[in-house]
Amino acid sequence: MRTSNARAFLAAAALLIPLVATSCGQPSAGPTPLGLNVTGIAPNTGPIGAGTVVSITGSGFVAGVTVTFDGIAATVTGFNATTITVMPPAHAPGRVDVVVTNPSGSSARLANAYTYAALSITSIAPTKGFAGTPLRIVGTGFTATTNVTLDGLQAQFVSVSGPVITVLIPVRGFSGPVDLVVMNPDGESRTLTGGFTYEFATLSVDPISVPPAGQFNVSWTASSGRSFLDWIGLFKTGTSNLEYIWYEYTNGTTSGTVRFTAPVQPGQYQFRYLLDDGYVDVVRTASVTVGALSASGQSAQSRIEHESLSCLLPSKDTSRSVSCSPIGLPLLLSPY
């Protein structure tokens, strides 16, 4: 009986040993690699010429992956398992399929995923303005390398987002209508003849040096049709356009002169012409001087030390007054 039991135990053990060896001595199979999949392309519109950079997202991309647009090979500039960057080939306007293929031969297709758009200009805003201010151009076929000129002058690129490219208007020596030209690197171009009109504004100030609380006469000229809310501000030299000391609206007139009372604090100041009740200036005067008076020439107002003034500066949105309290007395400063 004992011999029979021993034989049964040995037989069972012989059956278990291969299973244990298989479980412990052999590595288990790893996860199945992700299959090739394409989920998106951005941007999904571009010019008919080559040179745009496009990103294709998905999974399962491997070294040697290729991409075609309507069967024409694109230039792959980079990839990882989930993203491919390519430069689409030149193509006629229209929508095309995008196909991604791994070296194994597996492929994935995005039907009508990319649109080749001919370069065009639909509209611009504003249609007139000043050098150094933004210009938005709406159209098709723009890229980050699209070139914009006004009257042959290079505009500074700011951004491109879908059908909109934004530039800064270049400096030009005189006003009037000019041609606007957009051009892509492949040479494709579009012209908006007389599409943009340069405006102008000038400022002059006399005298250029006054005592505290002295008078500056500031004259301006501007293009016709300007906003009633264009304004001229007095600023401490070097401060931002939000830190005005006093201001006067131009009321849409093409020229005029306004008198500003100088601050009581000696220093360097300047006048600026700003647009449409905003804080973008288009012209500035050179610095003017508010100088200290000699002791014998001091007036009652100039004898008030700046440090003794507690002032609430005028707000363009609320009050026109400057409320100050020098030496405990109320004082109202006026530009006239």
C-alpha atoms as a PDB file:
ATOM      1  CA  MET A   1       0.000   0.000   0.000  1.00  0.00           C
ATOM      2  CA  ARG A   2       2.819   2.382   0.922  1.00  0.00           C
ATOM      3  CA  THR A   3       4.586   1.514  -2.331  1.00  0.00           C
ATOM      4  CA  SER A   4       1.447   2.216  -4.347  1.00  0.00           C
ATOM      5  CA  ASN A   5       1.003   5.639  -2.695  1.00  0.00           C
ATOM      6  CA  ALA A   6       4.607   6.560  -3.389  1.00  0.00           C
ATOM      7  CA  ARG A   7       4.261   5.694  -7.033  1.00  0.00           C
ATOM      8  CA  ALA A   8       1.102   7.823  -7.313  1.00  0.00           C
ATOM      9  CA  PHE A   9       2.877  10.813  -5.702  1.00  0.00           C
ATOM     10  CA  LEU A  10       5.842  10.549  -8.063  1.00  0.00           C
ATOM     11  CA  ALA A  11       3.534  10.368 -11.070  1.00  0.00           C
ATOM     12  CA  ALA A  12       1.667  13.500  -9.998  1.00  0.00           C
ATOM     13  CA  ALA A  13       4.911  15.359  -9.368  1.00  0.00           C
ATOM     14  CA  ALA A  14       6.153  14.448 -12.821  1.00  0.00           C
ATOM     15  CA  LEU A  15       3.088  16.084 -14.306  1.00  0.00           C
ATOM     16  CA  LEU A  16       3.484  19.312 -12.253  1.00  0.00           C
ATOM     17  CA  ILE A  17       7.192  19.931 -12.859  1.00  0.00           C
ATOM     18  CA  PRO A  18       6.823  20.917 -16.553  1.00  0.00           C
ATOM     19  CA  LEU A  19       4.014  23.344 -15.641  1.00  0.00           C
ATOM     20  CA  VAL A  20       6.085  25.032 -12.939  1.00  0.00           C
ATOM     21  CA  ALA A  21       9.072  25.252 -15.248  1.00  0.00           C
ATOM     22  CA  THR A  22       6.962  26.799 -17.970  1.00  0.00           C
ATOM     23  CA  SER A  23       5.462  29.346 -15.586  1.00  0.00           C
ATOM     24  CA  CYS A  24       8.711  30.351 -13.873  1.00  0.00           C
ATOM     25  CA  GLY A  25      11.354  29.835 -16.517  1.00  0.00           C
ATOM     26  CA  GLN A  26       9.682  31.319 -19.630  1.00  0.00           C
ATOM     27  CA  PRO A  27       8.827  35.029 -20.098  1.00  0.00           C
ATOM     28  CA  SER A  28       5.185  35.758 -20.743  1.00  0.00           C
ATOM     29  CA  ALA A  29       4.174  37.472 -23.988  1.00  0.00           C
ATOM     30  CA  GLY A  30       4.256  41.341 -23.885  1.00  0.00           C
ATOM     31  CA  PRO A  31       1.348  43.589 -24.775  1.00  0.00           C
ATOM     32  CA  THR A  32       0.305  43.667 -28.381  1.00  0.00           C
ATOM     33  CA  PRO A  33       1.663  46.788 -30.098  1.00  0.00           C
ATOM     34  CA  LEU A  34      -0.915  49.466 -30.926  1.00  0.00           C
ATOM     35  CA  GLY A  35      -2.190  49.300 -34.478  1.00  0.00           C
ATOM     36  CA  LEU A  36      -1.607  52.172 -36.897  1.00  0.00           C
ATOM     37  CA  ASN A  37      -4.278  54.819 -36.474  1.00  0.00           C
ATOM     38  CA  VAL A  38      -4.644  58.442 -37.662  1.00  0.00           C
ATOM     39  CA  THR A  39      -6.976  60.739 -35.733  1.00  0.00           C
ATOM     40  CA  GLY A  40      -6.314  64.272 -36.928  1.00  0.00           C
ATOM     41  CA  ILE A  41      -4.312  66.815 -38.898  1.00  0.00           C
ATOM     42  CA  ALA A  42      -3.561  70.442 -38.013  1.00  0.00           C
ATOM     43  CA  PRO A  43      -3.758  72.798 -39.652  1.00  0.00           C
ATOM     44  CA  ASN A  44      -6.149  71.159 -42.074  1.00  0.00           C
ATOM     45  CA  THR A  45      -5.889  73.931 -44.660  1.00  0.00           C
ATOM     46  CA  GLY A  46      -2.837  75.305 -46.389  1.00  0.00           C
ATOM     47  CA  PRO A  47      -1.512  77.010 -49.499  1.00  0.00           C
ATOM     48  CA  ILE A  48      -1.151  75.311 -52.861  1.00  0.00           C
ATOM     49  CA  GLY A  49       2.620  75.646 -52.654  1.00  0.00           C
ATOM     50  CA  ALA A  50       4.951  73.490 -50.588  1.00  0.00           C
ATOM     51  CA  GLY A  51       6.521  74.634 -47.347  1.00  0.00           C
ATOM     52  CA  THR A  52       3.745  74.546 -44.756  1.00  0.00           C
ATOM     53  CA  VAL A  53       4.389  72.458 -41.631  1.00  0.00           C
ATOM     54  CA  VAL A  54       1.513  70.148 -40.659  1.00  0.00           C
ATOM     55  CA  SER A  55       1.114  67.853 -37.639  1.00  0.00           C
ATOM     56  CA  ILE A  56      -0.621  64.482 -37.956  1.00  0.00           C
ATOM     57  CA  THR A  57      -1.796  62.803 -34.754  1.00  0.00           C
ATOM     58  CA  GLY A  58      -2.630  59.185 -34.102  1.00  0.00           C
ATOM     59  CA  SER A  59      -0.847  56.084 -32.817  1.00  0.00           C
ATOM     60  CA  GLY A  60       1.440  53.301 -33.938  1.00  0.00           C
ATOM     61  CA  PHE A  61       3.855  55.463 -35.937  1.00  0.00           C
ATOM     62  CA  VAL A  62       7.326  53.925 -36.321  1.00  0.00           C
ATOM     63  CA  ALA A  63      10.660  54.845 -37.889  1.00  0.00           C
ATOM     64  CA  GLY A  64      10.390  54.961 -41.653  1.00  0.00           C
ATOM     65  CA  VAL A  65       6.752  56.072 -41.663  1.00  0.00           C
ATOM     66  CA  THR A  66       5.666  57.848 -44.861  1.00  0.00           C
ATOM     67  CA  VAL A  67       2.828  60.266 -45.622  1.00  0.00           C
ATOM     68  CA  THR A  68       1.106  61.115 -48.888  1.00  0.00           C
ATOM     69  CA  PHE A  69      -1.336  63.848 -49.849  1.00  0.00           C
ATOM     70  CA  ASP A  70      -3.528  62.705 -52.721  1.00  0.00           C
ATOM     71  CA  GLY A  71      -0.886  60.072 -53.452  1.00  0.00           C
ATOM     72  CA  ILE A  72       1.984  62.588 -53.554  1.00  0.00           C
ATOM     73  CA  ALA A  73       4.755  62.059 -50.999  1.00  0.00           C
ATOM     74  CA  ALA A  74       5.118  64.638 -48.243  1.00  0.00           C
ATOM     75  CA  THR A  75       8.415  65.453 -46.534  1.00  0.00           C
ATOM     76  CA  VAL A  76       8.489  63.956 -43.024  1.00  0.00           C
ATOM     77  CA  THR A  77      10.375  66.342 -40.719  1.00  0.00           C
ATOM     78  CA  GLY A  78       9.848  64.520 -37.416  1.00  0.00           C
ATOM     79  CA  PHE A  79       7.836  61.829 -35.679  1.00  0.00           C
ATOM     80  CA  ASN A  80       7.166  59.908 -32.505  1.00  0.00           C
ATOM     81  CA  ALA A  81       4.672  57.156 -31.734  1.00  0.00           C
ATOM     82  CA  THR A  82       1.724  59.595 -31.715  1.00  0.00           C
ATOM     83  CA  THR A  83       2.710  62.595 -33.874  1.00  0.00           C
ATOM     84  CA  ILE A  84       4.219  63.120 -37.319  1.00  0.00           C
ATOM     85  CA  THR A  85       5.262  66.518 -38.657  1.00  0.00           C
ATOM     86  CA  VAL A  86       5.356  66.859 -42.417  1.00  0.00           C
ATOM     87  CA  MET A  87       5.578  69.423 -45.195  1.00  0.00           C
ATOM     88  CA  PRO A  88       2.761  68.774 -47.693  1.00  0.00           C
ATOM     89  CA  PRO A  89       3.701  68.779 -51.381  1.00  0.00           C
ATOM     90  CA  ALA A  90       2.458  71.421 -53.794  1.00  0.00           C
ATOM     91  CA  HIS A  91      -0.991  70.681 -55.175  1.00  0.00           C
ATOM     92  CA  ALA A  92      -3.867  72.301 -57.024  1.00  0.00           C
ATOM     93  CA  PRO A  93      -6.676  73.802 -54.904  1.00  0.00           C
ATOM     94  CA  GLY A  94      -9.105  71.284 -53.422  1.00  0.00           C
ATOM     95  CA  ARG A  95      -9.596  68.674 -50.700  1.00  0.00           C
ATOM     96  CA  VAL A  96      -7.383  65.581 -50.634  1.00  0.00           C
ATOM     97  CA  ASP A  97      -6.909  62.339 -48.710  1.00  0.00           C
ATOM     98  CA  VAL A  98      -3.981  61.965 -46.344  1.00  0.00           C
ATOM     99  CA  VAL A  99      -2.464  58.469 -46.028  1.00  0.00           C
ATOM    100  CA  VAL A 100       0.078  57.348 -43.420  1.00  0.00           C
ATOM    101  CA  THR A 101       2.039  54.143 -44.111  1.00  0.00           C
ATOM    102  CA  ASN A 102       4.449  52.228 -41.856  1.00  0.00           C
ATOM    103  CA  PRO A 103       7.382  50.229 -43.301  1.00  0.00           C
ATOM    104  CA  SER A 104       5.415  47.012 -42.629  1.00  0.00           C
ATOM    105  CA  GLY A 105       2.913  48.098 -45.247  1.00  0.00           C
ATOM    106  CA  SER A 106       0.070  48.847 -42.846  1.00  0.00           C
ATOM    107  CA  SER A 107      -1.604  52.184 -43.603  1.00  0.00           C
ATOM    108  CA  ALA A 108      -4.326  54.497 -42.350  1.00  0.00           C
ATOM    109  CA  ARG A 109      -6.278  57.043 -44.379  1.00  0.00           C
ATOM    110  CA  LEU A 110      -8.012  60.327 -43.515  1.00  0.00           C
ATOM    111  CA  ALA A 111     -10.446  61.018 -46.329  1.00  0.00           C
ATOM    112  CA  ASN A 112     -10.731  64.640 -47.545  1.00  0.00           C
ATOM    113  CA  ALA A 113      -8.692  65.662 -44.519  1.00  0.00           C
ATOM    114  CA  TYR A 114      -6.615  68.469 -45.996  1.00  0.00           C
ATOM    115  CA  THR A 115      -7.677  71.415 -48.148  1.00  0.00           C
ATOM    116  CA  TYR A 116      -5.319  73.165 -50.527  1.00  0.00           C
ATOM    117  CA  ALA A 117      -6.443  76.785 -50.737  1.00  0.00           C
ATOM    118  CA  ALA A 118      -5.306  79.313 -53.308  1.00  0.00           C
ATOM    119  CA  LEU A 119      -3.931  82.509 -51.794  1.00  0.00           C
ATOM    120  CA  SER A 120      -6.649  85.153 -51.487  1.00  0.00           C
ATOM    121  CA  ILE A 121      -7.513  88.363 -49.635  1.00  0.00           C
ATOM    122  CA  THR A 122     -11.126  88.648 -48.508  1.00  0.00           C
ATOM    123  CA  SER A 123     -10.923  91.734 -46.299  1.00  0.00           C
ATOM    124  CA  ILE A 124      -8.628  93.821 -44.122  1.00  0.00           C
ATOM    125  CA  ALA A 125      -9.253  95.739 -40.917  1.00  0.00           C
ATOM    126  CA  PRO A 126      -8.761  98.563 -40.456  1.00  0.00           C
ATOM    127  CA  THR A 127      -8.756  99.917 -44.003  1.00  0.00           C
ATOM    128  CA  LYS A 128      -6.946 103.055 -42.850  1.00  0.00           C
ATOM    129  CA  GLY A 129      -4.607 103.706 -39.971  1.00  0.00           C
ATOM    130  CA  PHE A 130      -1.182 104.574 -38.678  1.00  0.00           C
ATOM    131  CA  ALA A 131       2.259 103.013 -38.835  1.00  0.00           C
ATOM    132  CA  GLY A 132       3.021 100.655 -35.966  1.00  0.00           C
ATOM    133  CA  THR A 133      -0.590  99.606 -35.377  1.00  0.00           C
ATOM    134  CA  PRO A 134      -2.005  96.092 -36.055  1.00  0.00           C
ATOM    135  CA  LEU A 135      -3.559  95.141 -39.379  1.00  0.00           C
ATOM    136  CA  ARG A 136      -5.709  91.989 -39.734  1.00  0.00           C
ATOM    137  CA  ILE A 137      -5.939  90.384 -43.167  1.00  0.00           C
ATOM    138  CA  VAL A 138      -8.649  87.776 -43.780  1.00  0.00           C
ATOM    139  CA  GLY A 139      -8.345  85.330 -46.652  1.00  0.00           C
ATOM    140  CA  THR A 140      -7.023  81.888 -47.541  1.00  0.00           C
ATOM    141  CA  GLY A 141      -3.693  80.187 -48.155  1.00  0.00           C
ATOM    142  CA  PHE A 142      -1.750  82.030 -45.441  1.00  0.00           C
ATOM    143  CA  THR A 143       1.215  80.492 -43.626  1.00  0.00           C
ATOM    144  CA  ALA A 144       3.672  81.608 -40.967  1.00  0.00           C
ATOM    145  CA  THR A 145       6.025  82.543 -43.809  1.00  0.00           C
ATOM    146  CA  THR A 146       3.528  84.590 -45.819  1.00  0.00           C
ATOM    147  CA  ASN A 147       5.057  87.974 -46.619  1.00  0.00           C
ATOM    148  CA  VAL A 148       3.012  91.191 -46.399  1.00  0.00           C
ATOM    149  CA  THR A 149       4.030  94.563 -47.829  1.00  0.00           C
ATOM    150  CA  LEU A 150       2.331  97.946 -48.017  1.00  0.00           C
ATOM    151  CA  ASP A 151       3.576 100.200 -50.787  1.00  0.00           C
ATOM    152  CA  GLY A 152       6.557  97.828 -51.019  1.00  0.00           C
ATOM    153  CA  LEU A 153       7.413  98.245 -47.336  1.00  0.00           C
ATOM    154  CA  GLN A 154       7.811  95.087 -45.257  1.00  0.00           C
ATOM    155  CA  ALA A 155       5.159  94.623 -42.564  1.00  0.00           C
ATOM    156  CA  GLN A 156       6.185  92.938 -39.325  1.00  0.00           C
ATOM    157  CA  PHE A 157       4.601  89.491 -38.930  1.00  0.00           C
ATOM    158  CA  VAL A 158       2.637  89.014 -35.699  1.00  0.00           C
ATOM    159  CA  SER A 159       0.622  85.809 -36.091  1.00  0.00           C
ATOM    160  CA  VAL A 160      -1.395  83.591 -38.404  1.00  0.00           C
ATOM    161  CA  SER A 161      -4.470  81.688 -37.296  1.00  0.00           C
ATOM    162  CA  GLY A 162      -6.492  79.875 -39.935  1.00  0.00           C
ATOM    163  CA  PRO A 163      -7.855  82.469 -42.369  1.00  0.00           C
ATOM    164  CA  VAL A 164      -6.395  85.481 -40.516  1.00  0.00           C
ATOM    165  CA  ILE A 165      -2.885  86.879 -40.644  1.00  0.00           C
ATOM    166  CA  THR A 166      -1.936  89.828 -38.404  1.00  0.00           C
ATOM    167  CA  VAL A 167       0.923  92.237 -39.096  1.00  0.00           C
ATOM    168  CA  LEU A 168       2.118  95.625 -37.885  1.00  0.00           C
ATOM    169  CA  ILE A 169       1.802  98.448 -40.391  1.00  0.00           C
ATOM    170  CA  PRO A 170       5.260  99.615 -41.518  1.00  0.00           C
ATOM    171  CA  VAL A 171       6.458 103.206 -41.231  1.00  0.00           C
ATOM    172  CA  ARG A 172       5.872 105.351 -44.314  1.00  0.00           C
ATOM    173  CA  GLY A 173       6.860 108.965 -44.810  1.00  0.00           C
ATOM    174  CA  PHE A 174       3.524 110.315 -46.032  1.00  0.00           C
ATOM    175  CA  SER A 175      -0.193 109.573 -45.997  1.00  0.00           C
ATOM    176  CA  GLY A 176      -2.539 108.287 -48.671  1.00  0.00           C
ATOM    177  CA  PRO A 177      -3.778 105.011 -50.236  1.00  0.00           C
ATOM    178  CA  VAL A 178      -1.294 102.224 -50.980  1.00  0.00           C
ATOM    179  CA  ASP A 179      -1.324  98.708 -52.433  1.00  0.00           C
ATOM    180  CA  LEU A 180      -1.248  95.766 -50.034  1.00  0.00           C
ATOM    181  CA  VAL A 181       0.502  92.626 -51.295  1.00  0.00           C
ATOM    182  CA  VAL A 182       0.619  89.161 -49.709  1.00  0.00           C
ATOM    183  CA  MET A 183       3.072  86.600 -51.067  1.00  0.00           C
ATOM    184  CA  ASN A 184       3.862  82.994 -50.158  1.00  0.00           C
ATOM    185  CA  PRO A 185       7.360  81.475 -50.411  1.00  0.00           C
ATOM    186  CA  ASP A 186       6.442  79.704 -53.670  1.00  0.00           C
ATOM    187  CA  GLY A 187       5.903  83.099 -55.318  1.00  0.00           C
ATOM    188  CA  GLU A 188       2.106  83.013 -55.334  1.00  0.00           C
ATOM    189  CA  SER A 189       0.845  86.518 -54.511  1.00  0.00           C
ATOM    190  CA  ARG A 190      -2.296  88.621 -54.308  1.00  0.00           C
ATOM    191  CA  THR A 191      -2.606  92.420 -54.432  1.00  0.00           C
ATOM    192  CA  LEU A 192      -5.266  94.646 -52.906  1.00  0.00           C
ATOM    193  CA  THR A 193      -4.844  97.754 -55.041  1.00  0.00           C
ATOM    194  CA  GLY A 194      -5.176 100.916 -52.980  1.00  0.00           C
ATOM    195  CA  GLY A 195      -6.575  98.720 -50.244  1.00  0.00           C
ATOM    196  CA  PHE A 196      -5.046 100.530 -47.287  1.00  0.00           C
ATOM    197  CA  THR A 197      -4.820 104.254 -46.559  1.00  0.00           C
ATOM    198  CA  TYR A 198      -2.090 105.674 -44.374  1.00  0.00           C
ATOM    199  CA  GLU A 199      -3.271 108.325 -41.937  1.00  0.00           C
ATOM    200  CA  PHE A 200      -1.083 110.871 -40.213  1.00  0.00           C
ATOM    201  CA  ALA A 201      -0.891 112.962 -37.077  1.00  0.00           C
ATOM    202  CA  THR A 202       1.653 115.554 -35.998  1.00  0.00           C
ATOM    203  CA  LEU A 203       2.319 117.290 -32.700  1.00  0.00           C
ATOM    204  CA  SER A 204       4.320 120.379 -31.851  1.00  0.00           C
ATOM    205  CA  VAL A 205       4.777 122.195 -28.558  1.00  0.00           C
ATOM    206  CA  ASP A 206       5.819 125.746 -27.691  1.00  0.00           C
ATOM    207  CA  PRO A 207       7.717 126.655 -25.610  1.00  0.00           C
ATOM    208  CA  ILE A 208       9.845 123.616 -24.855  1.00  0.00           C
ATOM    209  CA  SER A 209      10.720 124.774 -21.331  1.00  0.00           C
ATOM    210  CA  VAL A 210       8.472 126.420 -18.725  1.00  0.00           C
ATOM    211  CA  PRO A 211       8.494 126.950 -14.957  1.00  0.00           C
ATOM    212  CA  PRO A 212       6.213 124.886 -12.721  1.00  0.00           C
ATOM    213  CA  ALA A 213       2.565 125.690 -13.529  1.00  0.00           C
ATOM    214  CA  GLY A 214       3.694 127.438 -16.709  1.00  0.00           C
ATOM    215  CA  GLN A 215       1.824 127.137 -19.993  1.00  0.00           C
ATOM    216  CA  PHE A 216       2.511 124.817 -22.958  1.00  0.00           C
ATOM    217  CA  ASN A 217       0.785 125.451 -26.285  1.00  0.00           C
ATOM    218  CA  VAL A 218       0.341 122.122 -28.078  1.00  0.00           C
ATOM    219  CA  SER A 219      -0.692 122.060 -31.749  1.00  0.00           C
ATOM    220  CA  TRP A 220      -1.746 119.058 -33.809  1.00  0.00           C
ATOM    221  CA  THR A 221      -2.674 118.120 -37.353  1.00  0.00           C
ATOM    222  CA  ALA A 222      -4.394 114.865 -38.331  1.00  0.00           C
ATOM    223  CA  SER A 223      -6.019 113.123 -41.265  1.00  0.00           C
ATOM    224  CA  SER A 224      -9.627 114.008 -42.021  1.00  0.00           C
ATOM    225  CA  GLY A 225     -12.250 111.643 -40.692  1.00  0.00           C
ATOM    226  CA  ARG A 226     -10.412 110.873 -37.474  1.00  0.00           C
ATOM    227  CA  SER A 227     -12.346 109.818 -34.379  1.00  0.00           C
ATOM    228  CA  PHE A 228     -13.858 112.478 -32.131  1.00  0.00           C
ATOM    229  CA  LEU A 229     -12.240 110.547 -29.296  1.00  0.00           C
ATOM    230  CA  ASP A 230      -8.649 110.897 -30.420  1.00  0.00           C
ATOM    231  CA  TRP A 231      -6.849 112.658 -27.597  1.00  0.00           C
ATOM    232  CA  ILE A 232      -3.644 114.435 -26.680  1.00  0.00           C
ATOM    233  CA  GLY A 233      -2.118 113.564 -23.343  1.00  0.00           C
ATOM    234  CA  LEU A 234       0.568 115.018 -21.117  1.00  0.00           C
ATOM    235  CA  PHE A 235       2.904 112.374 -19.695  1.00  0.00           C
ATOM    236  CA  LYS A 236       6.002 112.145 -17.587  1.00  0.00           C
ATOM    237  CA  THR A 237       8.736 111.067 -20.014  1.00  0.00           C
ATOM    238  CA  GLY A 238       9.270 107.303 -19.856  1.00  0.00           C
ATOM    239  CA  THR A 239       5.871 106.410 -18.383  1.00  0.00           C
ATOM    240  CA  SER A 240       3.237 104.189 -20.002  1.00  0.00           C
ATOM    241  CA  ASN A 241       0.233 105.476 -21.895  1.00  0.00           C
ATOM    242  CA  LEU A 242      -1.964 104.626 -18.917  1.00  0.00           C
ATOM    243  CA  GLU A 243      -0.168 107.173 -16.742  1.00  0.00           C
ATOM    244  CA  TYR A 244      -1.401 110.416 -18.260  1.00  0.00           C
ATOM    245  CA  ILE A 245      -1.327 113.611 -16.206  1.00  0.00           C
ATOM    246  CA  TRP A 246      -3.846 115.563 -18.270  1.00  0.00           C
ATOM    247  CA  TYR A 247      -5.602 115.149 -21.602  1.00  0.00           C
ATOM    248  CA  GLU A 248      -7.662 116.929 -24.240  1.00  0.00           C
ATOM    249  CA  TYR A 249      -9.828 115.398 -26.970  1.00  0.00           C
ATOM    250  CA  THR A 250      -9.317 116.555 -30.564  1.00  0.00           C
ATOM    251  CA  ASN A 251     -13.058 116.283 -31.315  1.00  0.00           C
ATOM    252  CA  GLY A 252     -12.285 114.914 -34.768  1.00  0.00           C
ATOM    253  CA  THR A 253     -10.756 118.143 -36.048  1.00  0.00           C
ATOM    254  CA  THR A 254      -7.858 118.032 -38.477  1.00  0.00           C
ATOM    255  CA  SER A 255      -5.870 120.699 -36.625  1.00  0.00           C
ATOM    256  CA  GLY A 256      -5.923 122.785 -33.509  1.00  0.00           C
ATOM    257  CA  THR A 257      -4.026 124.150 -30.532  1.00  0.00           C
ATOM    258  CA  VAL A 258      -4.672 123.489 -26.885  1.00  0.00           C
ATOM    259  CA  ARG A 259      -3.051 124.960 -23.777  1.00  0.00           C
ATOM    260  CA  PHE A 260      -1.719 122.692 -21.056  1.00  0.00           C
ATOM    261  CA  THR A 261      -0.684 123.852 -17.593  1.00  0.00           C
ATOM    262  CA  ALA A 262       2.655 122.347 -16.616  1.00  0.00           C
ATOM    263  CA  PRO A 263       2.878 120.164 -13.509  1.00  0.00           C
ATOM    264  CA  VAL A 264       4.314 121.756 -10.370  1.00  0.00           C
ATOM    265  CA  GLN A 265       7.011 119.090 -10.143  1.00  0.00           C
ATOM    266  CA  PRO A 266      10.126 119.945 -12.204  1.00  0.00           C
ATOM    267  CA  GLY A 267      11.223 117.283 -14.672  1.00  0.00           C
ATOM    268  CA  GLN A 268      10.964 115.976 -18.228  1.00  0.00           C
ATOM    269  CA  TYR A 269       7.554 115.577 -19.840  1.00  0.00           C
ATOM    270  CA  GLN A 270       6.115 114.900 -23.293  1.00  0.00           C
ATOM    271  CA  PHE A 271       2.866 115.075 -25.241  1.00  0.00           C
ATOM    272  CA  ARG A 272       1.379 112.149 -27.158  1.00  0.00           C
ATOM    273  CA  TYR A 273      -1.402 111.758 -29.719  1.00  0.00           C
ATOM    274  CA  LEU A 274      -3.527 108.696 -28.898  1.00  0.00           C
ATOM    275  CA  LEU A 275      -6.279 107.012 -30.896  1.00  0.00           C
ATOM    276  CA  ASP A 276     -10.009 106.663 -30.320  1.00  0.00           C
ATOM    277  CA  ASP A 277     -10.105 106.961 -26.507  1.00  0.00           C
ATOM    278  CA  GLY A 278      -7.608 104.112 -26.252  1.00  0.00           C
ATOM    279  CA  TYR A 279      -3.997 103.886 -25.187  1.00  0.00           C
ATOM    280  CA  VAL A 280      -2.146 103.460 -28.484  1.00  0.00           C
ATOM    281  CA  ASP A 281      -0.119 106.528 -29.436  1.00  0.00           C
ATOM    282  CA  VAL A 282       0.949 107.321 -32.986  1.00  0.00           C
ATOM    283  CA  VAL A 283       3.173 110.341 -32.426  1.00  0.00           C
ATOM    284  CA  ARG A 284       5.084 111.856 -29.495  1.00  0.00           C
ATOM    285  CA  THR A 285       6.851 115.141 -28.997  1.00  0.00           C
ATOM    286  CA  ALA A 286      10.408 115.325 -27.817  1.00  0.00           C
ATOM    287  CA  SER A 287      10.735 115.808 -24.078  1.00  0.00           C
ATOM    288  CA  VAL A 288       9.899 119.255 -22.730  1.00  0.00           C
ATOM    289  CA  THR A 289      11.223 120.676 -19.487  1.00  0.00           C
ATOM    290  CA  VAL A 290       9.469 121.910 -16.408  1.00  0.00           C
ATOM    291  CA  GLY A 291      12.240 123.728 -14.548  1.00  0.00           C
ATOM    292  CA  ALA A 292      12.457 124.997 -10.996  1.00  0.00           C
ATOM    293  CA  LEU A 293      12.134 128.760 -10.419  1.00  0.00           C
ATOM    294  CA  SER A 294      14.734 130.803  -8.556  1.00  0.00           C
ATOM    295  CA  ALA A 295      13.775 131.846  -5.054  1.00  0.00           C
ATOM    296  CA  SER A 296      13.143 135.444  -6.130  1.00  0.00           C
ATOM    297  CA  GLY A 297      10.910 134.353  -8.988  1.00  0.00           C
ATOM    298  CA  GLN A 298       8.660 131.967  -7.178  1.00  0.00           C
ATOM    299  CA  SER A 299       4.943 132.458  -7.416  1.00  0.00           C
ATOM    300  CA  ALA A 300       2.508 131.435  -4.721  1.00  0.00           C
ATOM    301  CA  GLN A 301       1.613 128.306  -6.675  1.00  0.00           C
ATOM    302  CA  SER A 302       5.211 127.363  -7.428  1.00  0.00           C
ATOM    303  CA  ARG A 303       6.146 127.671  -3.763  1.00  0.00           C
ATOM    304  CA  ILE A 304       3.877 124.685  -3.025  1.00  0.00           C
ATOM    305  CA  GLU A 305       6.227 121.739  -2.654  1.00  0.00           C
ATOM    306  CA  HIS A 306       5.316 118.704  -4.738  1.00  0.00           C
ATOM    307  CA  GLU A 307       5.596 116.460  -1.712  1.00  0.00           C
ATOM    308  CA  SER A 308       2.865 118.462   0.050  1.00  0.00           C
ATOM    309  CA  LEU A 309       0.331 117.810  -2.722  1.00  0.00           C
ATOM    310  CA  SER A 310      -2.137 114.955  -2.442  1.00  0.00           C
ATOM    311  CA  CYS A 311      -3.804 114.771  -5.857  1.00  0.00           C
ATOM    312  CA  LEU A 312      -6.416 112.671  -7.602  1.00  0.00           C
ATOM    313  CA  LEU A 313      -5.479 112.721 -11.315  1.00  0.00           C
ATOM    314  CA  PRO A 314      -8.256 113.172 -13.903  1.00  0.00           C
ATOM    315  CA  SER A 315      -9.896 110.055 -15.257  1.00  0.00           C
ATOM    316  CA  LYS A 316     -10.804 109.983 -18.950  1.00  0.00           C
ATOM    317  CA  ASP A 317     -13.799 107.875 -17.964  1.00  0.00           C
ATOM    318  CA  THR A 318     -15.135 109.997 -15.094  1.00  0.00           C
ATOM    319  CA  SER A 319     -14.006 113.449 -13.964  1.00  0.00           C
ATOM    320  CA  ARG A 320     -12.127 116.274 -15.658  1.00  0.00           C
ATOM    321  CA  SER A 321     -10.854 117.745 -12.389  1.00  0.00           C
ATOM    322  CA  VAL A 322      -7.624 117.288 -10.507  1.00  0.00           C
ATOM    323  CA  SER A 323      -8.427 117.432  -6.806  1.00  0.00           C
ATOM    324  CA  CYS A 324      -5.397 118.361  -4.740  1.00  0.00           C
ATOM    325  CA  SER A 325      -4.906 119.332  -1.125  1.00  0.00           C
ATOM    326  CA  PRO A 326      -1.721 121.404  -0.678  1.00  0.00           C
ATOM    327  CA  ILE A 327      -1.032 122.494   2.896  1.00  0.00           C
ATOM    328  CA  GLY A 328      -4.562 121.571   3.900  1.00  0.00           C
ATOM    329  CA  LEU A 329      -6.229 123.825   1.282  1.00  0.00           C
ATOM    330  CA  PRO A 330      -8.314 122.630  -1.726  1.00  0.00           C
ATOM    331  CA  LEU A 331      -6.863 123.377  -5.172  1.00  0.00           C
ATOM    332  CA  LEU A 332      -8.338 122.825  -8.644  1.00  0.00           C
ATOM    333  CA  LEU A 333      -5.816 122.681 -11.481  1.00  0.00           C
ATOM    334  CA  SER A 334      -6.981 123.508 -14.999  1.00  0.00           C
ATOM    335  CA  PRO A 335      -5.182 123.257 -18.338  1.00  0.00           C
ATOM    336  CA  TYR A 336      -6.389 126.781 -19.153  1.00  0.00           C
END
